[in-house]
C-alpha cells in the first residue's frame, strides 16, 4: 500500500484479471470468498464505468462528489434517493410503527429527528437500513439504467459497504480523515455536542474496515484546495483505468 494522500492499490496494472490476482494475493483468500472478485468479474468490462464513493460522516465525501461532478462524472446521490423513499406511504408507516410518532413534524418524517434516533444506536440504524434497503436498491438500479450512456457514473453513499453495494462497482473510493478532524467538523457543521457527535461516529462502521476494501483512498485532513488536488489526480487515474478496461 503506497503511503500517499491518495494511495492506489492497482496503480500500474492493466487489466481487471491482473488486479483481481493482486487483490487475492494480498488477502490470501480463495476466489469464491472475495468481494473484489464478485465486483470486477461481471462488471469490469461493461459501460458505463461505475465507481463507488463512500466514507463516514464529516469526512468530506460530499465535497469530493462535487469535485467529481465538476470533472463531468455523473453522480448518483444515494443518500438523496433515500430521502425520497421516506415519503412513500408504506415506508412512512413502518418507520412510525418502529420508531414512534416523535419522528414526525406536521405529519411528515423529520429527517433530523429520525437521524438523532438511528445515528446514536447501531441497532436502530440496522433496523432503518432493513426497512429502506430493498426500495433503495430498486431506485439505484433505475438511476444506473437511466444514465447508461454516460462514461463514468459515481455512486455516492455513506453506506455502500454496509449494504454490500460494492458488488455492483468497478472501483471503490473511500474518503477518510483523522478522528480528531472528524469530531471537530461534526460539532462545527452539524451543531452537535461533543457527546452527540461521538455517538454518531460510533454508530458507523469503523473507518479502517472501509479503507481495507477500497481501491482508492482520499485522506481529507487539510484544506479544501488540497482535497481538490487529490481528486484531480484520482480522476486522471479513473480515466486511465476506464480506457484500459475497455481494451
C-alpha atoms as a PDB file:
ATOM      1  CA  UNK A   1       0.000   0.000   0.000  1.00  0.00           C
ATOM      2  CA  UNK A   2       1.522   3.280  -1.082  1.00  0.00           C
ATOM      3  CA  UNK A   3       1.777   5.977   1.583  1.00  0.00           C
ATOM      4  CA  UNK A   4       0.351   8.955  -0.300  1.00  0.00           C
ATOM      5  CA  UNK A   5      -2.584  11.345   0.050  1.00  0.00           C
ATOM      6  CA  UNK A   6      -4.182   9.066  -2.490  1.00  0.00           C
ATOM      7  CA  UNK A   7      -2.774   5.558  -2.472  1.00  0.00           C
ATOM      8  CA  UNK A   8      -3.704   3.259  -5.310  1.00  0.00           C
ATOM      9  CA  UNK A   9      -3.647  -0.465  -4.787  1.00  0.00           C
ATOM     10  CA  UNK A  10      -3.715  -1.195  -8.522  1.00  0.00           C
ATOM     11  CA  UNK A  11      -1.525   1.680  -9.711  1.00  0.00           C
ATOM     12  CA  UNK A  12       0.173   0.208 -12.794  1.00  0.00           C
ATOM     13  CA  UNK A  13      -1.948  -2.837 -13.539  1.00  0.00           C
ATOM     14  CA  UNK A  14      -3.557  -3.101 -16.949  1.00  0.00           C
ATOM     15  CA  UNK A  15      -6.495  -5.492 -16.784  1.00  0.00           C
ATOM     16  CA  UNK A  16      -9.130  -6.443 -14.271  1.00  0.00           C
ATOM     17  CA  UNK A  17      -7.759 -10.011 -14.192  1.00  0.00           C
ATOM     18  CA  UNK A  18      -4.349  -8.763 -13.037  1.00  0.00           C
ATOM     19  CA  UNK A  19      -5.992  -6.541 -10.425  1.00  0.00           C
ATOM     20  CA  UNK A  20      -8.007  -9.500  -9.215  1.00  0.00           C
ATOM     21  CA  UNK A  21      -4.906 -11.685  -8.854  1.00  0.00           C
ATOM     22  CA  UNK A  22      -3.208  -8.936  -6.879  1.00  0.00           C
ATOM     23  CA  UNK A  23      -6.155  -8.497  -4.510  1.00  0.00           C
ATOM     24  CA  UNK A  24      -6.460 -12.217  -3.892  1.00  0.00           C
ATOM     25  CA  UNK A  25      -2.726 -12.481  -3.198  1.00  0.00           C
ATOM     26  CA  UNK A  26      -2.918  -9.560  -0.745  1.00  0.00           C
ATOM     27  CA  UNK A  27      -5.845 -11.052   1.145  1.00  0.00           C
ATOM     28  CA  UNK A  28      -4.811 -14.740   0.908  1.00  0.00           C
ATOM     29  CA  UNK A  29      -8.427 -15.622   0.159  1.00  0.00           C
ATOM     30  CA  UNK A  30      -9.880 -18.020  -2.410  1.00  0.00           C
ATOM     31  CA  UNK A  31     -11.628 -16.546  -5.422  1.00  0.00           C
ATOM     32  CA  UNK A  32     -15.081 -17.602  -4.262  1.00  0.00           C
ATOM     33  CA  UNK A  33     -14.780 -15.659  -0.998  1.00  0.00           C
ATOM     34  CA  UNK A  34     -13.517 -12.394  -2.482  1.00  0.00           C
ATOM     35  CA  UNK A  35     -15.926  -9.427  -2.698  1.00  0.00           C
ATOM     36  CA  UNK A  36     -13.418  -7.947  -5.148  1.00  0.00           C
ATOM     37  CA  UNK A  37     -13.901 -10.947  -7.436  1.00  0.00           C
ATOM     38  CA  UNK A  38     -17.654 -10.555  -7.276  1.00  0.00           C
ATOM     39  CA  UNK A  39     -17.272  -6.884  -8.077  1.00  0.00           C
ATOM     40  CA  UNK A  40     -14.914  -6.997 -11.010  1.00  0.00           C
ATOM     41  CA  UNK A  41     -15.718 -10.241 -12.786  1.00  0.00           C
ATOM     42  CA  UNK A  42     -19.221  -9.410 -14.102  1.00  0.00           C
ATOM     43  CA  UNK A  43     -18.922  -5.650 -14.366  1.00  0.00           C
ATOM     44  CA  UNK A  44     -15.364  -4.582 -15.182  1.00  0.00           C
ATOM     45  CA  UNK A  45     -15.624  -4.603 -18.958  1.00  0.00           C
ATOM     46  CA  UNK A  46     -19.008  -3.000 -19.337  1.00  0.00           C
ATOM     47  CA  UNK A  47     -20.010   0.596 -19.960  1.00  0.00           C
ATOM     48  CA  UNK A  48     -20.571   2.890 -18.158  1.00  0.00           C
ATOM     49  CA  UNK A  49     -17.715   2.712 -15.668  1.00  0.00           C
ATOM     50  CA  UNK A  50     -19.340   2.518 -12.214  1.00  0.00           C
ATOM     51  CA  UNK A  51     -17.410   3.997  -9.278  1.00  0.00           C
ATOM     52  CA  UNK A  52     -18.470   3.929  -5.637  1.00  0.00           C
ATOM     53  CA  UNK A  53     -17.758   6.876  -3.348  1.00  0.00           C
ATOM     54  CA  UNK A  54     -18.161   6.305   0.365  1.00  0.00           C
ATOM     55  CA  UNK A  55     -16.937   7.447   3.767  1.00  0.00           C
ATOM     56  CA  UNK A  56     -18.235   8.072   7.238  1.00  0.00           C
ATOM     57  CA  UNK A  57     -19.911  11.217   8.480  1.00  0.00           C
ATOM     58  CA  UNK A  58     -17.990  14.532   8.327  1.00  0.00           C
ATOM     59  CA  UNK A  59     -15.025  13.242   6.313  1.00  0.00           C
ATOM     60  CA  UNK A  60     -15.717  15.382   3.226  1.00  0.00           C
ATOM     61  CA  UNK A  61     -17.354  12.803   0.960  1.00  0.00           C
ATOM     62  CA  UNK A  62     -19.938  15.241  -0.416  1.00  0.00           C
ATOM     63  CA  UNK A  63     -17.201  17.729  -1.295  1.00  0.00           C
ATOM     64  CA  UNK A  64     -15.333  15.019  -3.196  1.00  0.00           C
ATOM     65  CA  UNK A  65     -18.560  14.154  -5.025  1.00  0.00           C
ATOM     66  CA  UNK A  66     -18.970  17.778  -6.077  1.00  0.00           C
ATOM     67  CA  UNK A  67     -15.384  17.925  -7.356  1.00  0.00           C
ATOM     68  CA  UNK A  68     -16.024  14.758  -9.388  1.00  0.00           C
ATOM     69  CA  UNK A  69     -19.228  16.279 -10.740  1.00  0.00           C
ATOM     70  CA  UNK A  70     -17.206  19.271 -11.924  1.00  0.00           C
ATOM     71  CA  UNK A  71     -14.979  16.782 -13.751  1.00  0.00           C
ATOM     72  CA  UNK A  72     -18.104  15.702 -15.709  1.00  0.00           C
ATOM     73  CA  UNK A  73     -18.677  12.465 -13.800  1.00  0.00           C
ATOM     74  CA  UNK A  74     -22.356  11.635 -13.358  1.00  0.00           C
ATOM     75  CA  UNK A  75     -23.221  11.492  -9.653  1.00  0.00           C
ATOM     76  CA  UNK A  76     -25.949   9.264  -8.242  1.00  0.00           C
ATOM     77  CA  UNK A  77     -26.611  10.642  -4.765  1.00  0.00           C
ATOM     78  CA  UNK A  78     -27.865   7.544  -2.964  1.00  0.00           C
ATOM     79  CA  UNK A  79     -28.463   9.449   0.267  1.00  0.00           C
ATOM     80  CA  UNK A  80     -30.869  11.789  -1.560  1.00  0.00           C
ATOM     81  CA  UNK A  81     -32.626   8.794  -3.076  1.00  0.00           C
ATOM     82  CA  UNK A  82     -33.020   7.514   0.470  1.00  0.00           C
ATOM     83  CA  UNK A  83     -34.671  10.786   1.460  1.00  0.00           C
ATOM     84  CA  UNK A  84     -37.235  10.348  -1.335  1.00  0.00           C
ATOM     85  CA  UNK A  85     -38.133   6.911  -0.032  1.00  0.00           C
ATOM     86  CA  UNK A  86     -39.171   8.404   3.312  1.00  0.00           C
ATOM     87  CA  UNK A  87     -42.158   9.995   1.566  1.00  0.00           C
ATOM     88  CA  UNK A  88     -43.542   6.643   0.414  1.00  0.00           C
ATOM     89  CA  UNK A  89     -46.627   5.808   2.471  1.00  0.00           C
ATOM     90  CA  UNK A  90     -45.674   2.199   3.251  1.00  0.00           C
ATOM     91  CA  UNK A  91     -42.175   3.236   4.382  1.00  0.00           C
ATOM     92  CA  UNK A  92     -43.568   6.090   6.439  1.00  0.00           C
ATOM     93  CA  UNK A  93     -45.991   3.747   8.222  1.00  0.00           C
ATOM     94  CA  UNK A  94     -43.248   1.220   9.014  1.00  0.00           C
ATOM     95  CA  UNK A  95     -40.989   3.938  10.411  1.00  0.00           C
ATOM     96  CA  UNK A  96     -43.748   5.366  12.608  1.00  0.00           C
ATOM     97  CA  UNK A  97     -44.601   1.887  13.890  1.00  0.00           C
ATOM     98  CA  UNK A  98     -40.931   1.174  14.607  1.00  0.00           C
ATOM     99  CA  UNK A  99     -39.665   4.493  15.979  1.00  0.00           C
ATOM    100  CA  UNK A 100     -42.847   6.236  17.141  1.00  0.00           C
ATOM    101  CA  UNK A 101     -44.701   9.414  16.172  1.00  0.00           C
ATOM    102  CA  UNK A 102     -41.953  11.582  17.655  1.00  0.00           C
ATOM    103  CA  UNK A 103     -40.168  11.352  14.292  1.00  0.00           C
ATOM    104  CA  UNK A 104     -42.973  13.398  12.689  1.00  0.00           C
ATOM    105  CA  UNK A 105     -43.310  17.140  12.108  1.00  0.00           C
ATOM    106  CA  UNK A 106     -46.616  18.212  10.542  1.00  0.00           C
ATOM    107  CA  UNK A 107     -47.351  14.562   9.757  1.00  0.00           C
ATOM    108  CA  UNK A 108     -44.169  14.103   7.698  1.00  0.00           C
ATOM    109  CA  UNK A 109     -40.956  12.268   8.603  1.00  0.00           C
ATOM    110  CA  UNK A 110     -38.485  14.757  10.090  1.00  0.00           C
ATOM    111  CA  UNK A 111     -35.085  13.543   8.929  1.00  0.00           C
ATOM    112  CA  UNK A 112     -33.235  15.294  11.745  1.00  0.00           C
ATOM    113  CA  UNK A 113     -35.394  13.570  14.372  1.00  0.00           C
ATOM    114  CA  UNK A 114     -35.014  10.213  12.679  1.00  0.00           C
ATOM    115  CA  UNK A 115     -31.254  10.792  12.421  1.00  0.00           C
ATOM    116  CA  UNK A 116     -30.992  11.503  16.151  1.00  0.00           C
ATOM    117  CA  UNK A 117     -32.574   8.126  16.852  1.00  0.00           C
ATOM    118  CA  UNK A 118     -30.740   5.930  14.364  1.00  0.00           C
ATOM    119  CA  UNK A 119     -27.283   7.502  14.401  1.00  0.00           C
ATOM    120  CA  UNK A 120     -26.962   7.220  18.150  1.00  0.00           C
ATOM    121  CA  UNK A 121     -27.683   3.494  18.194  1.00  0.00           C
ATOM    122  CA  UNK A 122     -26.289   0.807  15.871  1.00  0.00           C
ATOM    123  CA  UNK A 123     -29.326  -1.432  16.342  1.00  0.00           C
ATOM    124  CA  UNK A 124     -31.721   1.347  15.322  1.00  0.00           C
ATOM    125  CA  UNK A 125     -29.568   2.106  12.291  1.00  0.00           C
ATOM    126  CA  UNK A 126     -29.659  -1.551  11.255  1.00  0.00           C
ATOM    127  CA  UNK A 127     -33.461  -1.557  11.580  1.00  0.00           C
ATOM    128  CA  UNK A 128     -33.759   1.569   9.425  1.00  0.00           C
ATOM    129  CA  UNK A 129     -31.499   0.066   6.780  1.00  0.00           C
ATOM    130  CA  UNK A 130     -33.568  -3.124   6.690  1.00  0.00           C
ATOM    131  CA  UNK A 131     -36.744  -1.112   6.063  1.00  0.00           C
ATOM    132  CA  UNK A 132     -35.287   1.196   3.421  1.00  0.00           C
ATOM    133  CA  UNK A 133     -32.732  -1.020   1.681  1.00  0.00           C
ATOM    134  CA  UNK A 134     -34.923  -3.063  -0.738  1.00  0.00           C
ATOM    135  CA  UNK A 135     -36.686   0.042  -2.044  1.00  0.00           C
ATOM    136  CA  UNK A 136     -33.418   1.911  -2.354  1.00  0.00           C
ATOM    137  CA  UNK A 137     -31.820  -0.834  -4.450  1.00  0.00           C
ATOM    138  CA  UNK A 138     -34.625  -0.517  -6.999  1.00  0.00           C
ATOM    139  CA  UNK A 139     -34.080   3.227  -7.249  1.00  0.00           C
ATOM    140  CA  UNK A 140     -30.317   2.779  -7.644  1.00  0.00           C
ATOM    141  CA  UNK A 141     -30.782   0.259 -10.459  1.00  0.00           C
ATOM    142  CA  UNK A 142     -33.197   2.631 -12.169  1.00  0.00           C
ATOM    143  CA  UNK A 143     -30.716   5.527 -11.941  1.00  0.00           C
ATOM    144  CA  UNK A 144     -27.876   3.407 -13.327  1.00  0.00           C
ATOM    145  CA  UNK A 145     -30.021   2.383 -16.296  1.00  0.00           C
ATOM    146  CA  UNK A 146     -31.159   5.976 -16.806  1.00  0.00           C
ATOM    147  CA  UNK A 147     -27.531   7.111 -17.122  1.00  0.00           C
ATOM    148  CA  UNK A 148     -26.346   4.089 -19.110  1.00  0.00           C
ATOM    149  CA  UNK A 149     -24.925   6.263 -21.903  1.00  0.00           C
ATOM    150  CA  UNK A 150     -22.553   8.132 -19.579  1.00  0.00           C
ATOM    151  CA  UNK A 151     -18.823   7.360 -19.460  1.00  0.00           C
ATOM    152  CA  UNK A 152     -18.331   7.426 -15.663  1.00  0.00           C
ATOM    153  CA  UNK A 153     -21.031   7.131 -13.001  1.00  0.00           C
ATOM    154  CA  UNK A 154     -20.179   7.770  -9.353  1.00  0.00           C
ATOM    155  CA  UNK A 155     -22.468   6.168  -6.775  1.00  0.00           C
ATOM    156  CA  UNK A 156     -22.229   8.481  -3.756  1.00  0.00           C
ATOM    157  CA  UNK A 157     -23.352   6.887  -0.492  1.00  0.00           C
ATOM    158  CA  UNK A 158     -22.184   6.629   3.103  1.00  0.00           C
ATOM    159  CA  UNK A 159     -23.465   3.042   3.270  1.00  0.00           C
ATOM    160  CA  UNK A 160     -22.068   1.348   0.157  1.00  0.00           C
ATOM    161  CA  UNK A 161     -20.186  -1.285   2.140  1.00  0.00           C
ATOM    162  CA  UNK A 162     -22.829  -1.704   4.843  1.00  0.00           C
ATOM    163  CA  UNK A 163     -25.377  -2.511   2.123  1.00  0.00           C
ATOM    164  CA  UNK A 164     -22.924  -4.593   0.078  1.00  0.00           C
ATOM    165  CA  UNK A 165     -23.352  -2.286  -2.914  1.00  0.00           C
ATOM    166  CA  UNK A 166     -19.650  -2.638  -3.729  1.00  0.00           C
ATOM    167  CA  UNK A 167     -20.560  -5.827  -5.621  1.00  0.00           C
ATOM    168  CA  UNK A 168     -22.064  -3.598  -8.325  1.00  0.00           C
ATOM    169  CA  UNK A 169     -18.947  -1.466  -8.765  1.00  0.00           C
ATOM    170  CA  UNK A 170     -15.826  -1.370 -10.902  1.00  0.00           C
ATOM    171  CA  UNK A 171     -13.870   0.550  -8.245  1.00  0.00           C
ATOM    172  CA  UNK A 172     -14.481   1.865  -4.748  1.00  0.00           C
ATOM    173  CA  UNK A 173     -13.245   5.221  -3.398  1.00  0.00           C
ATOM    174  CA  UNK A 174     -13.173   5.737   0.369  1.00  0.00           C
ATOM    175  CA  UNK A 175     -12.829   9.231   1.827  1.00  0.00           C
ATOM    176  CA  UNK A 176     -11.382   9.379   5.319  1.00  0.00           C
ATOM    177  CA  UNK A 177      -9.843  11.769   7.832  1.00  0.00           C
ATOM    178  CA  UNK A 178      -8.356  11.684  11.316  1.00  0.00           C
ATOM    179  CA  UNK A 179     -10.741  11.021  14.233  1.00  0.00           C
ATOM    180  CA  UNK A 180      -9.885  14.462  15.622  1.00  0.00           C
ATOM    181  CA  UNK A 181     -10.826  16.219  12.373  1.00  0.00           C
ATOM    182  CA  UNK A 182     -13.992  14.175  12.064  1.00  0.00           C
ATOM    183  CA  UNK A 183     -15.175  15.093  15.555  1.00  0.00           C
ATOM    184  CA  UNK A 184     -14.247  18.744  15.087  1.00  0.00           C
ATOM    185  CA  UNK A 185     -16.156  19.033  11.795  1.00  0.00           C
ATOM    186  CA  UNK A 186     -19.190  17.208  13.103  1.00  0.00           C
ATOM    187  CA  UNK A 187     -19.518  19.511  16.102  1.00  0.00           C
ATOM    188  CA  UNK A 188     -18.928  22.629  14.000  1.00  0.00           C
ATOM    189  CA  UNK A 189     -21.077  21.939  10.942  1.00  0.00           C
ATOM    190  CA  UNK A 190     -23.863  19.787  12.403  1.00  0.00           C
ATOM    191  CA  UNK A 191     -24.255  21.839  15.602  1.00  0.00           C
ATOM    192  CA  UNK A 192     -23.928  18.752  17.777  1.00  0.00           C
ATOM    193  CA  UNK A 193     -22.488  18.441  21.240  1.00  0.00           C
ATOM    194  CA  UNK A 194     -19.238  16.511  21.542  1.00  0.00           C
ATOM    195  CA  UNK A 195     -21.112  13.615  23.124  1.00  0.00           C
ATOM    196  CA  UNK A 196     -23.757  13.563  20.364  1.00  0.00           C
ATOM    197  CA  UNK A 197     -21.033  13.662  17.731  1.00  0.00           C
ATOM    198  CA  UNK A 198     -19.194  10.750  19.350  1.00  0.00           C
ATOM    199  CA  UNK A 199     -22.422   8.715  19.401  1.00  0.00           C
ATOM    200  CA  UNK A 200     -22.950   9.279  15.679  1.00  0.00           C
ATOM    201  CA  UNK A 201     -19.378   8.323  14.867  1.00  0.00           C
ATOM    202  CA  UNK A 202     -19.501   5.166  16.984  1.00  0.00           C
ATOM    203  CA  UNK A 203     -22.760   4.070  15.298  1.00  0.00           C
ATOM    204  CA  UNK A 204     -20.985   3.829  11.937  1.00  0.00           C
ATOM    205  CA  UNK A 205     -18.648   1.203  10.541  1.00  0.00           C
ATOM    206  CA  UNK A 206     -15.024   1.597  11.571  1.00  0.00           C
ATOM    207  CA  UNK A 207     -13.129   3.703   9.015  1.00  0.00           C
ATOM    208  CA  UNK A 208     -10.284   1.205   8.745  1.00  0.00           C
ATOM    209  CA  UNK A 209     -12.673  -1.554   7.658  1.00  0.00           C
ATOM    210  CA  UNK A 210     -13.792   0.635   4.766  1.00  0.00           C
ATOM    211  CA  UNK A 211     -10.214   1.507   3.866  1.00  0.00           C
ATOM    212  CA  UNK A 212      -9.368  -2.204   3.697  1.00  0.00           C
ATOM    213  CA  UNK A 213     -11.991  -2.675   0.963  1.00  0.00           C
ATOM    214  CA  UNK A 214     -11.060   0.440  -1.012  1.00  0.00           C
ATOM    215  CA  UNK A 215      -9.349   0.654  -4.379  1.00  0.00           C
ATOM    216  CA  UNK A 216      -8.628   4.356  -3.860  1.00  0.00           C
ATOM    217  CA  UNK A 217      -8.395   6.225  -0.556  1.00  0.00           C
ATOM    218  CA  UNK A 218      -8.569  10.007  -0.181  1.00  0.00           C
ATOM    219  CA  UNK A 219      -7.363  11.393   3.146  1.00  0.00           C
ATOM    220  CA  UNK A 220      -9.020  14.723   3.897  1.00  0.00           C
ATOM    221  CA  UNK A 221      -7.106  16.291   6.782  1.00  0.00           C
ATOM    222  CA  UNK A 222      -6.086  19.563   5.139  1.00  0.00           C
ATOM    223  CA  UNK A 223      -7.614  22.415   3.142  1.00  0.00           C
ATOM    224  CA  UNK A 224     -10.340  22.238   0.513  1.00  0.00           C
ATOM    225  CA  UNK A 225      -7.731  23.151  -2.086  1.00  0.00           C
ATOM    226  CA  UNK A 226      -5.540  20.223  -1.022  1.00  0.00           C
ATOM    227  CA  UNK A 227      -8.561  17.946  -1.266  1.00  0.00           C
ATOM    228  CA  UNK A 228      -9.312  19.148  -4.785  1.00  0.00           C
ATOM    229  CA  UNK A 229      -5.741  18.398  -5.877  1.00  0.00           C
ATOM    230  CA  UNK A 230      -6.171  14.828  -4.666  1.00  0.00           C
ATOM    231  CA  UNK A 231      -9.421  14.488  -6.598  1.00  0.00           C
ATOM    232  CA  UNK A 232      -7.739  15.855  -9.737  1.00  0.00           C
ATOM    233  CA  UNK A 233      -5.044  13.156  -9.502  1.00  0.00           C
ATOM    234  CA  UNK A 234      -7.610  10.488  -8.770  1.00  0.00           C
ATOM    235  CA  UNK A 235      -9.792  11.414 -11.732  1.00  0.00           C
ATOM    236  CA  UNK A 236      -6.838  11.058 -14.099  1.00  0.00           C
ATOM    237  CA  UNK A 237      -6.350   7.505 -12.799  1.00  0.00           C
ATOM    238  CA  UNK A 238     -10.057   6.719 -13.175  1.00  0.00           C
ATOM    239  CA  UNK A 239      -9.971   7.822 -16.802  1.00  0.00           C
ATOM    240  CA  UNK A 240      -6.859   5.681 -17.392  1.00  0.00           C
ATOM    241  CA  UNK A 241      -8.454   2.592 -15.845  1.00  0.00           C
ATOM    242  CA  UNK A 242     -11.675   3.253 -17.730  1.00  0.00           C
ATOM    243  CA  UNK A 243      -9.794   3.114 -21.033  1.00  0.00           C
ATOM    244  CA  UNK A 244      -7.615   0.147 -20.011  1.00  0.00           C
ATOM    245  CA  UNK A 245     -10.619  -1.956 -19.065  1.00  0.00           C
ATOM    246  CA  UNK A 246     -12.126  -1.429 -22.496  1.00  0.00           C
ATOM    247  CA  UNK A 247      -9.032  -2.612 -24.375  1.00  0.00           C
END
